[in-house]
Amino acid sequence: MSEPVTKAVILAAGRGSRMRELTRNMPKPMVEVCGKPILRYIVDGLRDVGIPEVLVVVGYRQEVVRKHFRDGSAFGVEITYVEQVTQDGTGKVLELAKEFCGSNPFILSYGDILVEPSSYIPLTQPGDPELMLTVRYTEDTSKGGAVYVNNAFEVVDIQEKQGPDQARTPWYNAGIYTFKPTIFSYVARLRKSPRGEYELTDAIRAMVRDGKKVKAVEIKGYWTDVRDPEALAEANEKPPRPQ
C-alpha cells in the first residue's frame, strides 16, 4: 500500500491561443470563471482534499500567477514555482517537477481543467497502481486522448487525437492524474511525436507496454475543459461547486 498523496503539480505555463484576446495579458489558467481564476479553483480544490504542497509550472505571463498566489499562504497551501522555458508539449515538462516530488506520489492537473473538489479524493490514495488516470464517458473521444480499458478498468492503451472513425472507446482522458516517481524514467526517454511535441500520453503508453498497472478513474460529476471562449461561457453559467 503506498503512502497518501500530499503534493500536486499544476501545468499553467501556456497562453491558450484559442482564448484569443482573453489571454493577451494573462495565461489561460488565470482567466476568470464567475470572478475567480481557473487556477484558483484548482488550488482550492486540492487544498480542500488535503493537499498542502503545490508546484505551479509557469511560463507565459508568469508574473500574473506569482502576484496572485505568492507563496500560497493566503490560500492555505504552500506554493512553489518552476518555469517552463520551452513550450514543447506535455511530456518533458514533467521533468521540471522531479526535484519537487522526490520519492512521493503526486497529483498532476492541467491548468484549465475544472472539477469539483470531491473528484480529487480518489486520487489521494493511489494504492498499488503506478499511475491513476481520470476519464470521462463521452460519445466522441477524437478531440483528445482516447483511453482503452479492460474489464478491471485498467488502461491498456491511450491514443491522442484519433479520427472519429478510428476511436473505438467511450473513455476520454480527463487531464488529471496521480503519478508515482516511476514516471520520470519514462518521460526522460520520450521522443517527439508526429506533431513535433513530447507527449505525456506516449510515456503512459510505454508504462502500459511494460506491464505497469495504470488504473482509470471515472469522473462522473462536474468536469469542464476550459479550452476556448465557448467553454468559458458555459463554465460561467455553471461553475464547479466548492467542497
C-alpha atoms as a PDB file:
ATOM      1  CA  MET A   1       0.000   0.000   0.000  1.00  0.00           C
ATOM      2  CA  SER A   2       1.500   3.314  -0.989  1.00  0.00           C
ATOM      3  CA  GLU A   3       1.587   6.491   1.044  1.00  0.00           C
ATOM      4  CA  PRO A   4      -1.176   9.099   0.664  1.00  0.00           C
ATOM      5  CA  VAL A   5      -0.614  11.964  -1.740  1.00  0.00           C
ATOM      6  CA  THR A   6       0.418  15.303  -0.238  1.00  0.00           C
ATOM      7  CA  LYS A   7       1.807  17.061  -3.320  1.00  0.00           C
ATOM      8  CA  ALA A   8       0.317  18.327  -6.557  1.00  0.00           C
ATOM      9  CA  VAL A   9       1.697  19.773  -9.784  1.00  0.00           C
ATOM     10  CA  ILE A  10      -0.374  22.153 -11.925  1.00  0.00           C
ATOM     11  CA  LEU A  11       0.618  22.926 -15.516  1.00  0.00           C
ATOM     12  CA  ALA A  12      -0.055  26.637 -16.028  1.00  0.00           C
ATOM     13  CA  ALA A  13       2.608  27.763 -18.498  1.00  0.00           C
ATOM     14  CA  GLY A  14       0.602  28.158 -21.686  1.00  0.00           C
ATOM     15  CA  ARG A  15      -1.051  31.196 -23.176  1.00  0.00           C
ATOM     16  CA  GLY A  16      -4.034  29.366 -24.592  1.00  0.00           C
ATOM     17  CA  SER A  17      -4.186  30.825 -28.079  1.00  0.00           C
ATOM     18  CA  ARG A  18      -7.749  29.603 -28.624  1.00  0.00           C
ATOM     19  CA  MET A  19      -8.843  32.112 -25.984  1.00  0.00           C
ATOM     20  CA  ARG A  20      -7.777  34.863 -28.398  1.00  0.00           C
ATOM     21  CA  GLU A  21      -7.757  38.358 -26.819  1.00  0.00           C
ATOM     22  CA  LEU A  22      -8.714  36.985 -23.375  1.00  0.00           C
ATOM     23  CA  THR A  23      -5.144  35.800 -22.854  1.00  0.00           C
ATOM     24  CA  ARG A  24      -3.366  38.821 -24.271  1.00  0.00           C
ATOM     25  CA  ASN A  25      -2.286  39.897 -20.775  1.00  0.00           C
ATOM     26  CA  MET A  26      -2.533  36.673 -18.785  1.00  0.00           C
ATOM     27  CA  PRO A  27      -2.040  32.920 -19.109  1.00  0.00           C
ATOM     28  CA  LYS A  28      -5.175  30.874 -19.714  1.00  0.00           C
ATOM     29  CA  PRO A  29      -5.295  29.388 -16.178  1.00  0.00           C
ATOM     30  CA  MET A  30      -5.775  32.920 -14.819  1.00  0.00           C
ATOM     31  CA  VAL A  31      -8.868  33.606 -16.925  1.00  0.00           C
ATOM     32  CA  GLU A  32     -11.788  34.077 -14.528  1.00  0.00           C
ATOM     33  CA  VAL A  33     -14.883  31.931 -14.112  1.00  0.00           C
ATOM     34  CA  CYS A  34     -17.523  33.772 -12.071  1.00  0.00           C
ATOM     35  CA  GLY A  35     -14.890  36.260 -10.898  1.00  0.00           C
ATOM     36  CA  LYS A  36     -12.341  33.653  -9.807  1.00  0.00           C
ATOM     37  CA  PRO A  37      -9.305  32.438 -11.791  1.00  0.00           C
ATOM     38  CA  ILE A  38      -9.499  28.873 -13.108  1.00  0.00           C
ATOM     39  CA  LEU A  39      -6.218  28.172 -11.327  1.00  0.00           C
ATOM     40  CA  ARG A  40      -7.708  29.326  -8.028  1.00  0.00           C
ATOM     41  CA  TYR A  41     -10.479  26.711  -8.325  1.00  0.00           C
ATOM     42  CA  ILE A  42      -7.839  24.025  -8.797  1.00  0.00           C
ATOM     43  CA  VAL A  43      -5.666  25.193  -5.885  1.00  0.00           C
ATOM     44  CA  ASP A  44      -8.678  25.489  -3.573  1.00  0.00           C
ATOM     45  CA  GLY A  45      -9.975  22.074  -4.579  1.00  0.00           C
ATOM     46  CA  LEU A  46      -6.653  20.373  -3.939  1.00  0.00           C
ATOM     47  CA  ARG A  47      -6.348  22.116  -0.572  1.00  0.00           C
ATOM     48  CA  ASP A  48      -9.846  21.019   0.388  1.00  0.00           C
ATOM     49  CA  VAL A  49      -8.945  17.344  -0.058  1.00  0.00           C
ATOM     50  CA  GLY A  50      -5.766  17.638   1.993  1.00  0.00           C
ATOM     51  CA  ILE A  51      -3.007  18.529  -0.473  1.00  0.00           C
ATOM     52  CA  PRO A  52      -0.758  21.072   1.312  1.00  0.00           C
ATOM     53  CA  GLU A  53       2.087  21.447  -1.214  1.00  0.00           C
ATOM     54  CA  VAL A  54       1.605  22.653  -4.783  1.00  0.00           C
ATOM     55  CA  LEU A  55       4.090  23.242  -7.585  1.00  0.00           C
ATOM     56  CA  VAL A  56       2.838  25.549 -10.330  1.00  0.00           C
ATOM     57  CA  VAL A  57       4.622  25.283 -13.677  1.00  0.00           C
ATOM     58  CA  VAL A  58       4.580  28.789 -15.136  1.00  0.00           C
ATOM     59  CA  GLY A  59       5.686  30.361 -18.408  1.00  0.00           C
ATOM     60  CA  TYR A  60       3.683  32.883 -20.412  1.00  0.00           C
ATOM     61  CA  ARG A  61       2.914  35.992 -18.307  1.00  0.00           C
ATOM     62  CA  GLN A  62       4.023  34.116 -15.216  1.00  0.00           C
ATOM     63  CA  GLU A  63       4.112  37.306 -13.163  1.00  0.00           C
ATOM     64  CA  VAL A  64       0.301  37.305 -13.122  1.00  0.00           C
ATOM     65  CA  VAL A  65       0.254  33.894 -11.444  1.00  0.00           C
ATOM     66  CA  ARG A  66       3.040  34.730  -8.995  1.00  0.00           C
ATOM     67  CA  LYS A  67       1.469  38.028  -7.963  1.00  0.00           C
ATOM     68  CA  HIS A  68      -1.925  36.457  -7.308  1.00  0.00           C
ATOM     69  CA  PHE A  69      -0.800  33.381  -5.355  1.00  0.00           C
ATOM     70  CA  ARG A  70       2.625  34.402  -3.998  1.00  0.00           C
ATOM     71  CA  ASP A  71       3.721  31.653  -1.565  1.00  0.00           C
ATOM     72  CA  GLY A  72       0.209  30.260  -1.237  1.00  0.00           C
ATOM     73  CA  SER A  73      -0.146  31.013   2.478  1.00  0.00           C
ATOM     74  CA  ALA A  74      -3.177  33.231   1.881  1.00  0.00           C
ATOM     75  CA  PHE A  75      -4.893  30.228   0.279  1.00  0.00           C
ATOM     76  CA  GLY A  76      -3.941  27.630   2.859  1.00  0.00           C
ATOM     77  CA  VAL A  77      -1.240  25.884   0.822  1.00  0.00           C
ATOM     78  CA  GLU A  78       2.486  26.119   0.190  1.00  0.00           C
ATOM     79  CA  ILE A  79       3.108  27.101  -3.435  1.00  0.00           C
ATOM     80  CA  THR A  80       6.409  26.950  -5.264  1.00  0.00           C
ATOM     81  CA  TYR A  81       7.051  27.749  -8.920  1.00  0.00           C
ATOM     82  CA  VAL A  82       9.146  26.451 -11.771  1.00  0.00           C
ATOM     83  CA  GLU A  83       9.389  27.997 -15.237  1.00  0.00           C
ATOM     84  CA  GLN A  84       8.804  26.083 -18.452  1.00  0.00           C
ATOM     85  CA  VAL A  85      11.033  27.981 -20.867  1.00  0.00           C
ATOM     86  CA  THR A  86      10.328  25.924 -23.990  1.00  0.00           C
ATOM     87  CA  GLN A  87       6.728  25.063 -24.858  1.00  0.00           C
ATOM     88  CA  ASP A  88       7.379  21.618 -26.333  1.00  0.00           C
ATOM     89  CA  GLY A  89       4.484  19.504 -25.127  1.00  0.00           C
ATOM     90  CA  THR A  90       3.086  17.891 -22.016  1.00  0.00           C
ATOM     91  CA  GLY A  91       5.780  15.225 -21.638  1.00  0.00           C
ATOM     92  CA  LYS A  92       9.142  16.802 -20.906  1.00  0.00           C
ATOM     93  CA  VAL A  93       7.559  19.477 -18.709  1.00  0.00           C
ATOM     94  CA  LEU A  94       7.101  16.800 -16.067  1.00  0.00           C
ATOM     95  CA  GLU A  95      10.865  16.662 -15.604  1.00  0.00           C
ATOM     96  CA  LEU A  96      10.609  20.144 -14.087  1.00  0.00           C
ATOM     97  CA  ALA A  97       8.686  18.604 -11.180  1.00  0.00           C
ATOM     98  CA  LYS A  98      11.178  15.854 -10.372  1.00  0.00           C
ATOM     99  CA  GLU A  99      13.009  17.711  -7.603  1.00  0.00           C
ATOM    100  CA  PHE A 100       9.750  18.930  -6.033  1.00  0.00           C
ATOM    101  CA  CYS A 101       8.176  15.474  -5.975  1.00  0.00           C
ATOM    102  CA  GLY A 102      11.215  13.477  -4.903  1.00  0.00           C
ATOM    103  CA  SER A 103      10.113   9.957  -3.914  1.00  0.00           C
ATOM    104  CA  ASN A 104       6.498  10.994  -3.281  1.00  0.00           C
ATOM    105  CA  PRO A 105       3.412  10.239  -5.360  1.00  0.00           C
ATOM    106  CA  PHE A 106       1.762  13.365  -6.705  1.00  0.00           C
ATOM    107  CA  ILE A 107      -1.361  14.605  -8.442  1.00  0.00           C
ATOM    108  CA  LEU A 108      -0.899  16.308 -11.809  1.00  0.00           C
ATOM    109  CA  SER A 109      -3.567  18.586 -13.273  1.00  0.00           C
ATOM    110  CA  TYR A 110      -3.671  20.669 -16.404  1.00  0.00           C
ATOM    111  CA  GLY A 111      -4.327  24.286 -15.515  1.00  0.00           C
ATOM    112  CA  ASP A 112      -7.571  24.555 -17.462  1.00  0.00           C
ATOM    113  CA  ILE A 113      -9.497  21.558 -16.078  1.00  0.00           C
ATOM    114  CA  LEU A 114     -12.326  22.399 -13.672  1.00  0.00           C
ATOM    115  CA  VAL A 115     -13.795  19.717 -11.403  1.00  0.00           C
ATOM    116  CA  GLU A 116     -15.497  19.719  -8.039  1.00  0.00           C
ATOM    117  CA  PRO A 117     -13.089  19.035  -5.145  1.00  0.00           C
ATOM    118  CA  SER A 118     -14.633  15.620  -4.483  1.00  0.00           C
ATOM    119  CA  SER A 119     -13.217  14.403  -7.813  1.00  0.00           C
ATOM    120  CA  TYR A 120      -9.680  14.676  -6.413  1.00  0.00           C
ATOM    121  CA  ILE A 121     -10.412  12.402  -3.445  1.00  0.00           C
ATOM    122  CA  PRO A 122      -9.866   9.019  -5.202  1.00  0.00           C
ATOM    123  CA  LEU A 123      -6.532  10.327  -6.488  1.00  0.00           C
ATOM    124  CA  THR A 124      -5.160  10.943  -2.996  1.00  0.00           C
ATOM    125  CA  GLN A 125      -4.955   7.200  -2.228  1.00  0.00           C
ATOM    126  CA  PRO A 126      -3.206   5.587  -5.188  1.00  0.00           C
ATOM    127  CA  GLY A 127      -2.689   2.144  -3.663  1.00  0.00           C
ATOM    128  CA  ASP A 128      -0.969  -0.384  -5.946  1.00  0.00           C
ATOM    129  CA  PRO A 129      -1.204   1.281  -9.377  1.00  0.00           C
ATOM    130  CA  GLU A 130       1.845   3.089 -10.700  1.00  0.00           C
ATOM    131  CA  LEU A 131      -0.497   5.618 -12.268  1.00  0.00           C
ATOM    132  CA  MET A 132      -4.106   6.705 -11.903  1.00  0.00           C
ATOM    133  CA  LEU A 133      -5.654   8.419 -14.919  1.00  0.00           C
ATOM    134  CA  THR A 134      -9.026  10.170 -14.833  1.00  0.00           C
ATOM    135  CA  VAL A 135     -11.507   9.559 -17.638  1.00  0.00           C
ATOM    136  CA  ARG A 136     -14.866  10.840 -18.811  1.00  0.00           C
ATOM    137  CA  TYR A 137     -17.543   8.875 -20.621  1.00  0.00           C
ATOM    138  CA  THR A 138     -18.308  10.521 -23.962  1.00  0.00           C
ATOM    139  CA  GLU A 139     -19.609   9.657 -27.397  1.00  0.00           C
ATOM    140  CA  ASP A 140     -16.678  11.350 -29.174  1.00  0.00           C
ATOM    141  CA  THR A 141     -13.099  10.881 -27.970  1.00  0.00           C
ATOM    142  CA  SER A 142     -11.483  12.167 -31.169  1.00  0.00           C
ATOM    143  CA  LYS A 143     -10.642  15.657 -29.831  1.00  0.00           C
ATOM    144  CA  GLY A 144      -8.167  14.458 -27.211  1.00  0.00           C
ATOM    145  CA  GLY A 145      -6.917  11.277 -25.585  1.00  0.00           C
ATOM    146  CA  ALA A 146      -8.936   8.124 -26.267  1.00  0.00           C
ATOM    147  CA  VAL A 147      -8.408   5.741 -23.351  1.00  0.00           C
ATOM    148  CA  TYR A 148      -8.830   1.994 -23.794  1.00  0.00           C
ATOM    149  CA  VAL A 149      -9.513  -0.089 -20.683  1.00  0.00           C
ATOM    150  CA  ASN A 150     -10.007  -3.761 -19.779  1.00  0.00           C
ATOM    151  CA  ASN A 151     -12.709  -5.331 -17.599  1.00  0.00           C
ATOM    152  CA  ALA A 152     -10.781  -4.335 -14.445  1.00  0.00           C
ATOM    153  CA  PHE A 153     -10.825  -0.684 -15.630  1.00  0.00           C
ATOM    154  CA  GLU A 154      -7.087  -0.759 -16.136  1.00  0.00           C
ATOM    155  CA  VAL A 155      -5.647   1.195 -19.053  1.00  0.00           C
ATOM    156  CA  VAL A 156      -4.436  -0.986 -21.927  1.00  0.00           C
ATOM    157  CA  ASP A 157      -3.808   1.838 -24.419  1.00  0.00           C
ATOM    158  CA  ILE A 158      -4.212   5.577 -24.927  1.00  0.00           C
ATOM    159  CA  GLN A 159      -4.243   7.337 -28.287  1.00  0.00           C
ATOM    160  CA  GLU A 160      -4.104  11.079 -28.991  1.00  0.00           C
ATOM    161  CA  LYS A 161      -6.474  12.754 -31.435  1.00  0.00           C
ATOM    162  CA  GLN A 162      -7.714   9.764 -33.335  1.00  0.00           C
ATOM    163  CA  GLY A 163     -10.204  10.487 -36.082  1.00  0.00           C
ATOM    164  CA  PRO A 164     -13.912   9.973 -35.334  1.00  0.00           C
ATOM    165  CA  ASP A 165     -13.790   6.808 -37.462  1.00  0.00           C
ATOM    166  CA  GLN A 166     -10.756   5.472 -35.552  1.00  0.00           C
ATOM    167  CA  ALA A 167     -11.645   5.883 -31.868  1.00  0.00           C
ATOM    168  CA  ARG A 168     -13.293   2.731 -30.546  1.00  0.00           C
ATOM    169  CA  THR A 169     -13.720   3.639 -26.914  1.00  0.00           C
ATOM    170  CA  PRO A 170     -16.112   5.903 -24.979  1.00  0.00           C
ATOM    171  CA  TRP A 171     -13.440   6.890 -22.446  1.00  0.00           C
ATOM    172  CA  TYR A 172     -11.810  10.313 -22.788  1.00  0.00           C
ATOM    173  CA  ASN A 173      -8.664  11.406 -20.947  1.00  0.00           C
ATOM    174  CA  ALA A 174      -9.903  13.913 -18.339  1.00  0.00           C
ATOM    175  CA  GLY A 175      -6.496  15.533 -17.737  1.00  0.00           C
ATOM    176  CA  ILE A 176      -5.877  14.804 -14.041  1.00  0.00           C
ATOM    177  CA  TYR A 177      -3.517  12.069 -12.847  1.00  0.00           C
ATOM    178  CA  THR A 178      -1.757  10.563  -9.871  1.00  0.00           C
ATOM    179  CA  PHE A 179       1.809   9.535 -10.643  1.00  0.00           C
ATOM    180  CA  LYS A 180       4.470   7.713  -8.690  1.00  0.00           C
ATOM    181  CA  PRO A 181       8.152   8.572  -9.272  1.00  0.00           C
ATOM    182  CA  THR A 182       8.477   5.778 -11.854  1.00  0.00           C
ATOM    183  CA  ILE A 183       7.005   8.205 -14.410  1.00  0.00           C
ATOM    184  CA  PHE A 184      10.227  10.220 -14.504  1.00  0.00           C
ATOM    185  CA  SER A 185      12.265   7.451 -16.138  1.00  0.00           C
ATOM    186  CA  TYR A 186       9.623   7.229 -18.874  1.00  0.00           C
ATOM    187  CA  VAL A 187       9.446  10.951 -19.644  1.00  0.00           C
ATOM    188  CA  ALA A 188      13.252  11.052 -19.784  1.00  0.00           C
ATOM    189  CA  ARG A 189      13.121   8.631 -22.730  1.00  0.00           C
ATOM    190  CA  LEU A 190      10.443  10.464 -24.699  1.00  0.00           C
ATOM    191  CA  ARG A 191      10.923  11.282 -28.358  1.00  0.00           C
ATOM    192  CA  LYS A 192       8.942  13.910 -30.256  1.00  0.00           C
ATOM    193  CA  SER A 193       5.594  12.811 -31.617  1.00  0.00           C
ATOM    194  CA  PRO A 194       4.481  13.290 -35.242  1.00  0.00           C
ATOM    195  CA  ARG A 195       3.024  16.609 -34.002  1.00  0.00           C
ATOM    196  CA  GLY A 196       6.527  17.726 -33.012  1.00  0.00           C
ATOM    197  CA  GLU A 197       5.924  17.586 -29.251  1.00  0.00           C
ATOM    198  CA  TYR A 198       6.939  15.469 -26.293  1.00  0.00           C
ATOM    199  CA  GLU A 199       3.610  13.968 -25.264  1.00  0.00           C
ATOM    200  CA  LEU A 200       2.778  12.660 -21.827  1.00  0.00           C
ATOM    201  CA  THR A 201       0.482  10.044 -23.312  1.00  0.00           C
ATOM    202  CA  ASP A 202       3.497   8.443 -25.028  1.00  0.00           C
ATOM    203  CA  ALA A 203       5.105   7.943 -21.611  1.00  0.00           C
ATOM    204  CA  ILE A 204       1.876   6.431 -20.301  1.00  0.00           C
ATOM    205  CA  ARG A 205       1.686   4.062 -23.277  1.00  0.00           C
ATOM    206  CA  ALA A 206       5.243   2.951 -22.569  1.00  0.00           C
ATOM    207  CA  MET A 207       4.311   2.191 -18.957  1.00  0.00           C
ATOM    208  CA  VAL A 208       1.361   0.123 -20.136  1.00  0.00           C
ATOM    209  CA  ARG A 209       3.547  -1.800 -22.603  1.00  0.00           C
ATOM    210  CA  ASP A 210       5.991  -2.560 -19.772  1.00  0.00           C
ATOM    211  CA  GLY A 211       3.173  -4.096 -17.732  1.00  0.00           C
ATOM    212  CA  LYS A 212       2.883  -1.297 -15.187  1.00  0.00           C
ATOM    213  CA  LYS A 213      -0.533  -1.083 -13.548  1.00  0.00           C
ATOM    214  CA  VAL A 214      -2.359   2.006 -14.837  1.00  0.00           C
ATOM    215  CA  LYS A 215      -5.804   2.449 -13.310  1.00  0.00           C
ATOM    216  CA  ALA A 216      -8.585   4.510 -14.874  1.00  0.00           C
ATOM    217  CA  VAL A 217     -10.714   6.620 -12.513  1.00  0.00           C
ATOM    218  CA  GLU A 218     -14.036   7.900 -13.846  1.00  0.00           C
ATOM    219  CA  ILE A 219     -15.098  11.463 -13.101  1.00  0.00           C
ATOM    220  CA  LYS A 220     -18.865  11.169 -13.065  1.00  0.00           C
ATOM    221  CA  GLY A 221     -19.752  14.641 -11.825  1.00  0.00           C
ATOM    222  CA  TYR A 222     -18.795  18.133 -12.919  1.00  0.00           C
ATOM    223  CA  TRP A 223     -15.923  18.388 -15.416  1.00  0.00           C
ATOM    224  CA  THR A 224     -15.022  21.205 -17.812  1.00  0.00           C
ATOM    225  CA  ASP A 225     -12.041  21.709 -20.073  1.00  0.00           C
ATOM    226  CA  VAL A 226     -11.948  25.499 -20.435  1.00  0.00           C
ATOM    227  CA  ARG A 227     -10.348  25.275 -23.862  1.00  0.00           C
ATOM    228  CA  ASP A 228     -11.948  28.212 -25.672  1.00  0.00           C
ATOM    229  CA  PRO A 229     -14.343  31.172 -25.206  1.00  0.00           C
ATOM    230  CA  GLU A 230     -17.355  28.938 -25.782  1.00  0.00           C
ATOM    231  CA  ALA A 231     -16.324  26.554 -22.997  1.00  0.00           C
ATOM    232  CA  LEU A 232     -15.577  29.568 -20.794  1.00  0.00           C
ATOM    233  CA  ALA A 233     -19.095  30.906 -21.353  1.00  0.00           C
ATOM    234  CA  GLU A 234     -20.552  27.544 -20.328  1.00  0.00           C
ATOM    235  CA  ALA A 235     -18.369  27.455 -17.204  1.00  0.00           C
ATOM    236  CA  ASN A 236     -19.574  30.920 -16.215  1.00  0.00           C
ATOM    237  CA  GLU A 237     -23.137  29.650 -16.495  1.00  0.00           C
ATOM    238  CA  LYS A 238     -22.326  26.642 -14.335  1.00  0.00           C
ATOM    239  CA  PRO A 239     -19.157  26.851 -12.226  1.00  0.00           C
ATOM    240  CA  PRO A 240     -17.956  23.954 -10.040  1.00  0.00           C
ATOM    241  CA  ARG A 241     -19.368  23.723  -6.540  1.00  0.00           C
ATOM    242  CA  PRO A 242     -16.998  24.060  -3.566  1.00  0.00           C
ATOM    243  CA  GLN A 243     -16.284  21.193  -1.200  1.00  0.00           C
END
